[in-house]
């Protein structure tokens, strides 16, 4: 009798965020020595990108929880997150205004306190998927990140949305929302969630045995174009641009985990195309996206 594989929902999310990293770290015990470039000092009256990002995420989280930012403003200044003196407080207040607008959008779809944590257990394809799901309101599952929408955001929402639709109690909310600074995704309840989840679990089992040619951002670029008859002919070429990058932005091929598994080869082959559509085809069909012009430059 075959041994049942038991994994947590967070493991499945982690896998699709970077299948090569998941395979090397969790199943082969290989840990790469990643280089962290020292950031150049910015001008004294500005914030570096990472500090600004972290500060904004904190602001939004506190606002969504109904807190006033006056205490957080003082804490941010005291721990050195802001330039000294009045210039730092001016920067904070400017960031807080924009963060408040985004938090209001989140509050509109997630009013009041969330529902209690939901314990899930789903069995499919010889895998038992377990986990605890939070961020569920009477309106549905709500995820948010005050930044541009990334492939990993979509994948996390998609996986949790399928789990919710598979295992939620009767009359439990099954809608899903994902808010980012440049777009909002919504999804209504879906009837074929178990079959879609089974497809992902089958890819997981394949990917913990051999490197999977699935690269989230590159695959998303391919699937979006391949799903559009007007753009399908250029789908692989455009995916190649995302993979290789340019002088303006790094390519996904530079990821050290992908380098370890596929360095020196061109992995954007027929298998890559099939995997891209297997993961993103249903996702793109079920999730409705609305662009936000106001946050598009964030």
C-alpha atoms as a PDB file:
ATOM      1  CA  UNK A   1       0.000   0.000   0.000  1.00  0.00           C
ATOM      2  CA  UNK A   2       1.443   3.356  -1.068  1.00  0.00           C
ATOM      3  CA  UNK A   3       2.274   5.846   1.644  1.00  0.00           C
ATOM      4  CA  UNK A   4       0.047   8.905   1.552  1.00  0.00           C
ATOM      5  CA  UNK A   5       1.858  12.182   1.009  1.00  0.00           C
ATOM      6  CA  UNK A   6       0.851  14.880   3.497  1.00  0.00           C
ATOM      7  CA  UNK A   7       1.677  18.504   2.713  1.00  0.00           C
ATOM      8  CA  UNK A   8       0.621  21.866   4.042  1.00  0.00           C
ATOM      9  CA  UNK A   9      -1.104  24.461   1.892  1.00  0.00           C
ATOM     10  CA  UNK A  10       1.835  26.813   2.508  1.00  0.00           C
ATOM     11  CA  UNK A  11       4.190  24.168   1.060  1.00  0.00           C
ATOM     12  CA  UNK A  12       2.136  24.002  -2.112  1.00  0.00           C
ATOM     13  CA  UNK A  13       2.200  27.795  -2.386  1.00  0.00           C
ATOM     14  CA  UNK A  14       5.958  27.815  -1.781  1.00  0.00           C
ATOM     15  CA  UNK A  15       6.472  25.157  -4.449  1.00  0.00           C
ATOM     16  CA  UNK A  16       4.734  27.075  -7.233  1.00  0.00           C
ATOM     17  CA  UNK A  17       6.509  30.303  -6.240  1.00  0.00           C
ATOM     18  CA  UNK A  18       9.797  28.601  -7.195  1.00  0.00           C
ATOM     19  CA  UNK A  19       9.699  24.840  -7.908  1.00  0.00           C
ATOM     20  CA  UNK A  20      13.482  24.572  -8.231  1.00  0.00           C
ATOM     21  CA  UNK A  21      14.125  26.209  -4.859  1.00  0.00           C
ATOM     22  CA  UNK A  22      11.530  23.974  -3.226  1.00  0.00           C
ATOM     23  CA  UNK A  23      13.051  20.823  -4.711  1.00  0.00           C
ATOM     24  CA  UNK A  24      16.644  21.734  -3.867  1.00  0.00           C
ATOM     25  CA  UNK A  25      16.001  22.991  -0.336  1.00  0.00           C
ATOM     26  CA  UNK A  26      13.201  20.849   1.029  1.00  0.00           C
ATOM     27  CA  UNK A  27      13.794  17.547  -0.733  1.00  0.00           C
ATOM     28  CA  UNK A  28      17.492  17.469  -1.602  1.00  0.00           C
ATOM     29  CA  UNK A  29      18.847  19.533   1.300  1.00  0.00           C
ATOM     30  CA  UNK A  30      20.771  21.874  -0.996  1.00  0.00           C
ATOM     31  CA  UNK A  31      21.121  25.453   0.216  1.00  0.00           C
ATOM     32  CA  UNK A  32      22.748  28.017  -2.037  1.00  0.00           C
ATOM     33  CA  UNK A  33      24.942  30.812  -0.718  1.00  0.00           C
ATOM     34  CA  UNK A  34      23.035  33.753  -2.115  1.00  0.00           C
ATOM     35  CA  UNK A  35      24.830  37.035  -2.533  1.00  0.00           C
ATOM     36  CA  UNK A  36      23.136  40.093  -1.093  1.00  0.00           C
ATOM     37  CA  UNK A  37      24.318  43.238  -2.769  1.00  0.00           C
ATOM     38  CA  UNK A  38      24.934  46.146  -0.425  1.00  0.00           C
ATOM     39  CA  UNK A  39      22.585  48.937  -1.335  1.00  0.00           C
ATOM     40  CA  UNK A  40      24.092  52.313  -2.064  1.00  0.00           C
ATOM     41  CA  UNK A  41      23.173  55.054   0.348  1.00  0.00           C
ATOM     42  CA  UNK A  42      20.383  57.265  -0.844  1.00  0.00           C
ATOM     43  CA  UNK A  43      20.260  60.994  -0.368  1.00  0.00           C
ATOM     44  CA  UNK A  44      19.768  61.877   3.316  1.00  0.00           C
ATOM     45  CA  UNK A  45      16.184  63.032   2.854  1.00  0.00           C
ATOM     46  CA  UNK A  46      14.804  59.972   1.080  1.00  0.00           C
ATOM     47  CA  UNK A  47      14.074  56.314   1.820  1.00  0.00           C
ATOM     48  CA  UNK A  48      15.661  53.351   0.119  1.00  0.00           C
ATOM     49  CA  UNK A  49      13.300  51.095  -1.804  1.00  0.00           C
ATOM     50  CA  UNK A  50      13.193  48.189   0.657  1.00  0.00           C
ATOM     51  CA  UNK A  51      12.643  50.405   3.691  1.00  0.00           C
ATOM     52  CA  UNK A  52       9.865  52.280   1.917  1.00  0.00           C
ATOM     53  CA  UNK A  53       8.198  49.023   0.872  1.00  0.00           C
ATOM     54  CA  UNK A  54       8.301  47.573   4.405  1.00  0.00           C
ATOM     55  CA  UNK A  55       7.030  50.803   5.916  1.00  0.00           C
ATOM     56  CA  UNK A  56       4.100  50.994   3.516  1.00  0.00           C
ATOM     57  CA  UNK A  57       3.101  47.376   4.158  1.00  0.00           C
ATOM     58  CA  UNK A  58       3.073  48.076   7.900  1.00  0.00           C
ATOM     59  CA  UNK A  59       0.956  51.172   7.394  1.00  0.00           C
ATOM     60  CA  UNK A  60      -1.650  49.343   5.340  1.00  0.00           C
ATOM     61  CA  UNK A  61      -1.795  46.391   7.760  1.00  0.00           C
ATOM     62  CA  UNK A  62      -2.416  48.691  10.716  1.00  0.00           C
ATOM     63  CA  UNK A  63      -4.999  50.737   8.868  1.00  0.00           C
ATOM     64  CA  UNK A  64      -6.875  47.609   7.772  1.00  0.00           C
ATOM     65  CA  UNK A  65      -6.933  46.500  11.425  1.00  0.00           C
ATOM     66  CA  UNK A  66      -8.519  49.837  12.327  1.00  0.00           C
ATOM     67  CA  UNK A  67      -5.509  51.401  14.036  1.00  0.00           C
ATOM     68  CA  UNK A  68      -4.566  55.061  14.011  1.00  0.00           C
ATOM     69  CA  UNK A  69      -1.147  55.717  12.470  1.00  0.00           C
ATOM     70  CA  UNK A  70      -0.047  58.308  15.008  1.00  0.00           C
ATOM     71  CA  UNK A  71       1.681  55.712  17.203  1.00  0.00           C
ATOM     72  CA  UNK A  72       3.239  53.959  14.224  1.00  0.00           C
ATOM     73  CA  UNK A  73       4.558  57.304  12.969  1.00  0.00           C
ATOM     74  CA  UNK A  74       6.409  57.827  16.227  1.00  0.00           C
ATOM     75  CA  UNK A  75       7.740  54.256  16.241  1.00  0.00           C
ATOM     76  CA  UNK A  76       8.955  54.501  12.645  1.00  0.00           C
ATOM     77  CA  UNK A  77      10.829  57.707  13.431  1.00  0.00           C
ATOM     78  CA  UNK A  78      12.361  56.358  16.655  1.00  0.00           C
ATOM     79  CA  UNK A  79      13.716  53.182  15.085  1.00  0.00           C
ATOM     80  CA  UNK A  80      15.418  55.098  12.276  1.00  0.00           C
ATOM     81  CA  UNK A  81      13.128  54.155   9.381  1.00  0.00           C
ATOM     82  CA  UNK A  82      12.766  57.818   8.422  1.00  0.00           C
ATOM     83  CA  UNK A  83      15.218  60.610   7.698  1.00  0.00           C
ATOM     84  CA  UNK A  84      15.780  62.662  10.867  1.00  0.00           C
ATOM     85  CA  UNK A  85      13.622  65.590  11.902  1.00  0.00           C
ATOM     86  CA  UNK A  86      10.752  67.231  10.123  1.00  0.00           C
ATOM     87  CA  UNK A  87      11.702  65.975   6.600  1.00  0.00           C
ATOM     88  CA  UNK A  88      11.194  62.385   7.768  1.00  0.00           C
ATOM     89  CA  UNK A  89       7.760  63.138   9.197  1.00  0.00           C
ATOM     90  CA  UNK A  90       6.747  64.882   5.976  1.00  0.00           C
ATOM     91  CA  UNK A  91       7.754  61.788   4.012  1.00  0.00           C
ATOM     92  CA  UNK A  92       5.801  59.572   6.407  1.00  0.00           C
ATOM     93  CA  UNK A  93       2.653  61.669   6.102  1.00  0.00           C
ATOM     94  CA  UNK A  94       2.854  61.599   2.313  1.00  0.00           C
ATOM     95  CA  UNK A  95       3.192  57.812   2.303  1.00  0.00           C
ATOM     96  CA  UNK A  96       0.393  57.512   4.855  1.00  0.00           C
ATOM     97  CA  UNK A  97      -2.040  59.415   2.642  1.00  0.00           C
ATOM     98  CA  UNK A  98      -1.557  56.989  -0.250  1.00  0.00           C
ATOM     99  CA  UNK A  99      -1.545  53.963   2.070  1.00  0.00           C
ATOM    100  CA  UNK A 100      -4.842  55.137   3.597  1.00  0.00           C
ATOM    101  CA  UNK A 101      -6.469  55.219   0.168  1.00  0.00           C
ATOM    102  CA  UNK A 102      -5.360  51.652  -0.526  1.00  0.00           C
ATOM    103  CA  UNK A 103      -6.432  50.462   2.931  1.00  0.00           C
ATOM    104  CA  UNK A 104      -9.879  51.933   2.288  1.00  0.00           C
ATOM    105  CA  UNK A 105     -10.139  49.774  -0.850  1.00  0.00           C
ATOM    106  CA  UNK A 106      -9.269  46.708   1.226  1.00  0.00           C
ATOM    107  CA  UNK A 107     -11.790  47.647   3.923  1.00  0.00           C
ATOM    108  CA  UNK A 108     -14.493  47.967   1.278  1.00  0.00           C
ATOM    109  CA  UNK A 109     -14.235  44.240   0.458  1.00  0.00           C
ATOM    110  CA  UNK A 110     -13.199  43.114   3.961  1.00  0.00           C
ATOM    111  CA  UNK A 111     -15.423  45.068   6.365  1.00  0.00           C
ATOM    112  CA  UNK A 112     -15.236  44.360  10.074  1.00  0.00           C
ATOM    113  CA  UNK A 113     -13.370  41.494  11.719  1.00  0.00           C
ATOM    114  CA  UNK A 114     -12.502  38.348   9.721  1.00  0.00           C
ATOM    115  CA  UNK A 115     -14.153  34.991  10.288  1.00  0.00           C
ATOM    116  CA  UNK A 116     -12.451  32.460  12.587  1.00  0.00           C
ATOM    117  CA  UNK A 117      -9.511  30.521  11.155  1.00  0.00           C
ATOM    118  CA  UNK A 118     -10.693  27.677   8.924  1.00  0.00           C
ATOM    119  CA  UNK A 119      -9.059  24.251   9.327  1.00  0.00           C
ATOM    120  CA  UNK A 120      -8.854  22.441   5.983  1.00  0.00           C
ATOM    121  CA  UNK A 121      -8.086  18.867   4.988  1.00  0.00           C
ATOM    122  CA  UNK A 122      -8.358  17.775   1.357  1.00  0.00           C
ATOM    123  CA  UNK A 123      -7.455  14.386  -0.131  1.00  0.00           C
ATOM    124  CA  UNK A 124      -6.687  13.983  -3.827  1.00  0.00           C
ATOM    125  CA  UNK A 125      -4.261  12.020  -6.020  1.00  0.00           C
ATOM    126  CA  UNK A 126      -2.671  10.254  -3.082  1.00  0.00           C
ATOM    127  CA  UNK A 127      -1.986  13.559  -1.339  1.00  0.00           C
ATOM    128  CA  UNK A 128      -3.548  14.864   1.838  1.00  0.00           C
ATOM    129  CA  UNK A 129      -3.455  18.651   1.827  1.00  0.00           C
ATOM    130  CA  UNK A 130      -3.839  20.235   5.258  1.00  0.00           C
ATOM    131  CA  UNK A 131      -3.687  23.751   6.601  1.00  0.00           C
ATOM    132  CA  UNK A 132      -5.262  26.682   8.351  1.00  0.00           C
ATOM    133  CA  UNK A 133      -6.759  29.490   6.296  1.00  0.00           C
ATOM    134  CA  UNK A 134      -7.123  33.022   7.599  1.00  0.00           C
ATOM    135  CA  UNK A 135      -8.076  36.306   5.936  1.00  0.00           C
ATOM    136  CA  UNK A 136     -11.602  35.092   5.234  1.00  0.00           C
ATOM    137  CA  UNK A 137     -14.415  37.600   5.653  1.00  0.00           C
ATOM    138  CA  UNK A 138     -18.170  37.212   5.082  1.00  0.00           C
ATOM    139  CA  UNK A 139     -17.436  38.502   1.581  1.00  0.00           C
ATOM    140  CA  UNK A 140     -14.826  35.817   0.898  1.00  0.00           C
ATOM    141  CA  UNK A 141     -11.072  35.225   0.938  1.00  0.00           C
ATOM    142  CA  UNK A 142      -9.196  38.543   0.834  1.00  0.00           C
ATOM    143  CA  UNK A 143      -5.505  38.970   0.060  1.00  0.00           C
ATOM    144  CA  UNK A 144      -3.774  42.305  -0.419  1.00  0.00           C
ATOM    145  CA  UNK A 145      -0.282  43.611  -1.011  1.00  0.00           C
ATOM    146  CA  UNK A 146       0.486  47.297  -1.464  1.00  0.00           C
ATOM    147  CA  UNK A 147       2.720  46.843  -4.497  1.00  0.00           C
ATOM    148  CA  UNK A 148       2.439  45.837  -8.126  1.00  0.00           C
ATOM    149  CA  UNK A 149       0.764  42.514  -8.735  1.00  0.00           C
ATOM    150  CA  UNK A 150       3.252  39.640  -9.094  1.00  0.00           C
ATOM    151  CA  UNK A 151       2.892  36.091 -10.363  1.00  0.00           C
ATOM    152  CA  UNK A 152       3.455  34.766  -6.834  1.00  0.00           C
ATOM    153  CA  UNK A 153       0.471  36.829  -5.606  1.00  0.00           C
ATOM    154  CA  UNK A 154      -1.789  35.291  -8.231  1.00  0.00           C
ATOM    155  CA  UNK A 155      -0.579  31.778  -7.495  1.00  0.00           C
ATOM    156  CA  UNK A 156      -1.092  32.093  -3.761  1.00  0.00           C
ATOM    157  CA  UNK A 157      -4.608  33.423  -4.200  1.00  0.00           C
ATOM    158  CA  UNK A 158      -5.427  30.743  -6.774  1.00  0.00           C
ATOM    159  CA  UNK A 159      -4.259  27.855  -4.577  1.00  0.00           C
ATOM    160  CA  UNK A 160      -6.017  29.122  -1.455  1.00  0.00           C
ATOM    161  CA  UNK A 161      -9.148  29.918  -3.467  1.00  0.00           C
ATOM    162  CA  UNK A 162      -9.275  26.343  -4.794  1.00  0.00           C
ATOM    163  CA  UNK A 163      -8.730  24.942  -1.289  1.00  0.00           C
ATOM    164  CA  UNK A 164     -11.480  27.140   0.088  1.00  0.00           C
ATOM    165  CA  UNK A 165     -13.918  26.038  -2.602  1.00  0.00           C
ATOM    166  CA  UNK A 166     -13.006  22.376  -2.050  1.00  0.00           C
ATOM    167  CA  UNK A 167     -13.338  22.207   1.704  1.00  0.00           C
ATOM    168  CA  UNK A 168     -15.368  25.104   3.081  1.00  0.00           C
ATOM    169  CA  UNK A 169     -18.524  24.217   5.041  1.00  0.00           C
ATOM    170  CA  UNK A 170     -21.955  24.634   3.480  1.00  0.00           C
ATOM    171  CA  UNK A 171     -23.001  28.284   3.091  1.00  0.00           C
ATOM    172  CA  UNK A 172     -19.433  29.444   3.790  1.00  0.00           C
ATOM    173  CA  UNK A 173     -18.136  32.331   1.620  1.00  0.00           C
ATOM    174  CA  UNK A 174     -16.222  31.083  -1.419  1.00  0.00           C
ATOM    175  CA  UNK A 175     -15.474  34.296  -3.293  1.00  0.00           C
ATOM    176  CA  UNK A 176     -11.910  35.614  -3.431  1.00  0.00           C
ATOM    177  CA  UNK A 177     -10.296  39.031  -3.785  1.00  0.00           C
ATOM    178  CA  UNK A 178      -6.700  40.060  -4.373  1.00  0.00           C
ATOM    179  CA  UNK A 179      -5.897  43.766  -4.155  1.00  0.00           C
ATOM    180  CA  UNK A 180      -2.605  45.254  -5.342  1.00  0.00           C
ATOM    181  CA  UNK A 181      -1.579  48.810  -6.067  1.00  0.00           C
ATOM    182  CA  UNK A 182      -2.038  48.378  -9.820  1.00  0.00           C
ATOM    183  CA  UNK A 183      -4.878  45.853 -10.093  1.00  0.00           C
ATOM    184  CA  UNK A 184      -7.646  43.968  -8.315  1.00  0.00           C
ATOM    185  CA  UNK A 185      -8.492  40.321  -8.964  1.00  0.00           C
ATOM    186  CA  UNK A 186     -11.852  38.794  -8.094  1.00  0.00           C
ATOM    187  CA  UNK A 187     -13.199  35.257  -8.323  1.00  0.00           C
ATOM    188  CA  UNK A 188     -16.675  33.838  -7.825  1.00  0.00           C
ATOM    189  CA  UNK A 189     -17.341  30.351  -6.377  1.00  0.00           C
ATOM    190  CA  UNK A 190     -16.161  27.570  -8.690  1.00  0.00           C
ATOM    191  CA  UNK A 191     -17.609  24.067  -9.084  1.00  0.00           C
ATOM    192  CA  UNK A 192     -14.556  22.251 -10.504  1.00  0.00           C
ATOM    193  CA  UNK A 193     -12.150  23.257  -7.738  1.00  0.00           C
ATOM    194  CA  UNK A 194     -11.179  19.698  -6.774  1.00  0.00           C
ATOM    195  CA  UNK A 195     -10.151  18.731 -10.311  1.00  0.00           C
ATOM    196  CA  UNK A 196      -8.152  21.938 -10.697  1.00  0.00           C
ATOM    197  CA  UNK A 197      -6.438  21.353  -7.357  1.00  0.00           C
ATOM    198  CA  UNK A 198      -5.717  17.744  -8.348  1.00  0.00           C
ATOM    199  CA  UNK A 199      -3.880  19.028 -11.440  1.00  0.00           C
ATOM    200  CA  UNK A 200      -1.674  21.228  -9.247  1.00  0.00           C
ATOM    201  CA  UNK A 201      -0.991  18.387  -6.826  1.00  0.00           C
ATOM    202  CA  UNK A 202       0.043  16.143  -9.717  1.00  0.00           C
ATOM    203  CA  UNK A 203       2.539  18.795 -10.829  1.00  0.00           C
ATOM    204  CA  UNK A 204       3.779  19.078  -7.259  1.00  0.00           C
ATOM    205  CA  UNK A 205       4.488  15.357  -7.117  1.00  0.00           C
ATOM    206  CA  UNK A 206       6.316  15.579 -10.422  1.00  0.00           C
ATOM    207  CA  UNK A 207       8.278  18.626  -9.313  1.00  0.00           C
ATOM    208  CA  UNK A 208       9.631  17.078  -6.113  1.00  0.00           C
ATOM    209  CA  UNK A 209      11.189  14.290  -8.170  1.00  0.00           C
ATOM    210  CA  UNK A 210      12.739  16.310 -10.998  1.00  0.00           C
ATOM    211  CA  UNK A 211      13.179  20.035 -11.758  1.00  0.00           C
ATOM    212  CA  UNK A 212       9.985  21.453 -13.209  1.00  0.00           C
ATOM    213  CA  UNK A 213      10.223  23.859 -16.132  1.00  0.00           C
ATOM    214  CA  UNK A 214       7.829  26.275 -14.514  1.00  0.00           C
ATOM    215  CA  UNK A 215       9.059  29.809 -13.940  1.00  0.00           C
ATOM    216  CA  UNK A 216       6.212  31.932 -12.494  1.00  0.00           C
ATOM    217  CA  UNK A 217       6.747  35.299 -14.202  1.00  0.00           C
ATOM    218  CA  UNK A 218       7.909  33.876 -17.542  1.00  0.00           C
ATOM    219  CA  UNK A 219       5.130  31.289 -17.578  1.00  0.00           C
ATOM    220  CA  UNK A 220       2.531  33.946 -16.823  1.00  0.00           C
ATOM    221  CA  UNK A 221       3.776  36.069 -19.721  1.00  0.00           C
ATOM    222  CA  UNK A 222       3.504  33.072 -22.028  1.00  0.00           C
ATOM    223  CA  UNK A 223       0.054  31.982 -20.824  1.00  0.00           C
ATOM    224  CA  UNK A 224      -1.418  35.473 -21.099  1.00  0.00           C
ATOM    225  CA  UNK A 225      -0.285  35.840 -24.698  1.00  0.00           C
ATOM    226  CA  UNK A 226      -1.045  32.244 -25.700  1.00  0.00           C
ATOM    227  CA  UNK A 227      -4.612  32.655 -24.405  1.00  0.00           C
ATOM    228  CA  UNK A 228      -5.156  35.659 -26.687  1.00  0.00           C
ATOM    229  CA  UNK A 229      -5.632  34.682 -30.373  1.00  0.00           C
ATOM    230  CA  UNK A 230      -4.268  38.077 -31.451  1.00  0.00           C
ATOM    231  CA  UNK A 231      -1.038  37.607 -29.486  1.00  0.00           C
ATOM    232  CA  UNK A 232      -0.552  33.832 -29.522  1.00  0.00           C
ATOM    233  CA  UNK A 233       2.010  33.910 -32.334  1.00  0.00           C
ATOM    234  CA  UNK A 234       4.357  36.035 -30.209  1.00  0.00           C
ATOM    235  CA  UNK A 235       3.717  34.261 -26.914  1.00  0.00           C
ATOM    236  CA  UNK A 236       6.964  32.301 -26.728  1.00  0.00           C
ATOM    237  CA  UNK A 237       9.071  35.214 -27.984  1.00  0.00           C
ATOM    238  CA  UNK A 238       7.589  37.564 -25.371  1.00  0.00           C
ATOM    239  CA  UNK A 239       8.088  34.944 -22.670  1.00  0.00           C
ATOM    240  CA  UNK A 240      11.724  34.771 -23.763  1.00  0.00           C
ATOM    241  CA  UNK A 241      12.099  38.483 -23.095  1.00  0.00           C
ATOM    242  CA  UNK A 242      10.763  38.007 -19.568  1.00  0.00           C
ATOM    243  CA  UNK A 243      13.153  35.071 -19.087  1.00  0.00           C
ATOM    244  CA  UNK A 244      16.286  36.782 -20.421  1.00  0.00           C
ATOM    245  CA  UNK A 245      15.559  40.310 -19.171  1.00  0.00           C
ATOM    246  CA  UNK A 246      17.137  43.459 -20.524  1.00  0.00           C
ATOM    247  CA  UNK A 247      19.339  46.365 -19.525  1.00  0.00           C
ATOM    248  CA  UNK A 248      16.382  47.815 -17.620  1.00  0.00           C
ATOM    249  CA  UNK A 249      15.336  44.766 -15.582  1.00  0.00           C
ATOM    250  CA  UNK A 250      16.843  41.381 -14.700  1.00  0.00           C
ATOM    251  CA  UNK A 251      15.528  38.235 -16.333  1.00  0.00           C
ATOM    252  CA  UNK A 252      13.992  35.372 -14.414  1.00  0.00           C
ATOM    253  CA  UNK A 253      16.808  33.156 -15.679  1.00  0.00           C
ATOM    254  CA  UNK A 254      19.120  34.997 -13.261  1.00  0.00           C
ATOM    255  CA  UNK A 255      17.338  33.427 -10.296  1.00  0.00           C
ATOM    256  CA  UNK A 256      20.071  31.279  -8.648  1.00  0.00           C
ATOM    257  CA  UNK A 257      17.732  28.311  -8.109  1.00  0.00           C
ATOM    258  CA  UNK A 258      16.748  28.239 -11.767  1.00  0.00           C
ATOM    259  CA  UNK A 259      20.406  28.666 -12.671  1.00  0.00           C
ATOM    260  CA  UNK A 260      21.344  25.627 -10.591  1.00  0.00           C
ATOM    261  CA  UNK A 261      18.796  23.434 -12.347  1.00  0.00           C
ATOM    262  CA  UNK A 262      18.761  24.841 -15.875  1.00  0.00           C
ATOM    263  CA  UNK A 263      21.840  27.057 -16.231  1.00  0.00           C
ATOM    264  CA  UNK A 264      23.429  26.865 -19.680  1.00  0.00           C
ATOM    265  CA  UNK A 265      20.281  25.530 -21.335  1.00  0.00           C
ATOM    266  CA  UNK A 266      17.173  27.029 -22.886  1.00  0.00           C
ATOM    267  CA  UNK A 267      14.294  25.579 -20.823  1.00  0.00           C
ATOM    268  CA  UNK A 268      11.538  27.409 -22.702  1.00  0.00           C
ATOM    269  CA  UNK A 269      10.535  24.352 -24.702  1.00  0.00           C
ATOM    270  CA  UNK A 270       7.336  22.429 -25.387  1.00  0.00           C
ATOM    271  CA  UNK A 271       7.248  21.165 -21.803  1.00  0.00           C
ATOM    272  CA  UNK A 272       7.520  24.740 -20.521  1.00  0.00           C
ATOM    273  CA  UNK A 273       4.623  25.819 -22.725  1.00  0.00           C
ATOM    274  CA  UNK A 274       2.420  22.933 -21.578  1.00  0.00           C
ATOM    275  CA  UNK A 275       3.220  23.568 -17.920  1.00  0.00           C
ATOM    276  CA  UNK A 276       2.528  27.289 -18.296  1.00  0.00           C
ATOM    277  CA  UNK A 277      -0.932  26.634 -19.679  1.00  0.00           C
ATOM    278  CA  UNK A 278      -1.649  23.812 -17.204  1.00  0.00           C
ATOM    279  CA  UNK A 279      -1.088  26.185 -14.273  1.00  0.00           C
ATOM    280  CA  UNK A 280      -2.175  29.539 -15.624  1.00  0.00           C
ATOM    281  CA  UNK A 281      -4.851  28.567 -18.154  1.00  0.00           C
ATOM    282  CA  UNK A 282      -7.518  27.819 -15.506  1.00  0.00           C
ATOM    283  CA  UNK A 283      -6.281  30.664 -13.295  1.00  0.00           C
ATOM    284  CA  UNK A 284      -6.659  33.241 -16.047  1.00  0.00           C
ATOM    285  CA  UNK A 285     -10.072  31.840 -16.963  1.00  0.00           C
ATOM    286  CA  UNK A 286     -11.440  32.071 -13.408  1.00  0.00           C
ATOM    287  CA  UNK A 287      -9.893  35.268 -12.060  1.00  0.00           C
ATOM    288  CA  UNK A 288     -11.230  38.598 -13.298  1.00  0.00           C
ATOM    289  CA  UNK A 289      -8.667  41.406 -13.360  1.00  0.00           C
ATOM    290  CA  UNK A 290      -9.352  45.121 -13.186  1.00  0.00           C
ATOM    291  CA  UNK A 291      -6.436  47.494 -13.647  1.00  0.00           C
ATOM    292  CA  UNK A 292      -5.922  50.484 -11.355  1.00  0.00           C
ATOM    293  CA  UNK A 293      -4.409  53.409 -13.215  1.00  0.00           C
ATOM    294  CA  UNK A 294      -3.706  55.324 -10.036  1.00  0.00           C
ATOM    295  CA  UNK A 295      -1.361  52.717  -8.602  1.00  0.00           C
ATOM    296  CA  UNK A 296       0.139  51.480 -11.839  1.00  0.00           C
ATOM    297  CA  UNK A 297       3.463  53.219 -11.232  1.00  0.00           C
ATOM    298  CA  UNK A 298       3.950  51.821  -7.731  1.00  0.00           C
END
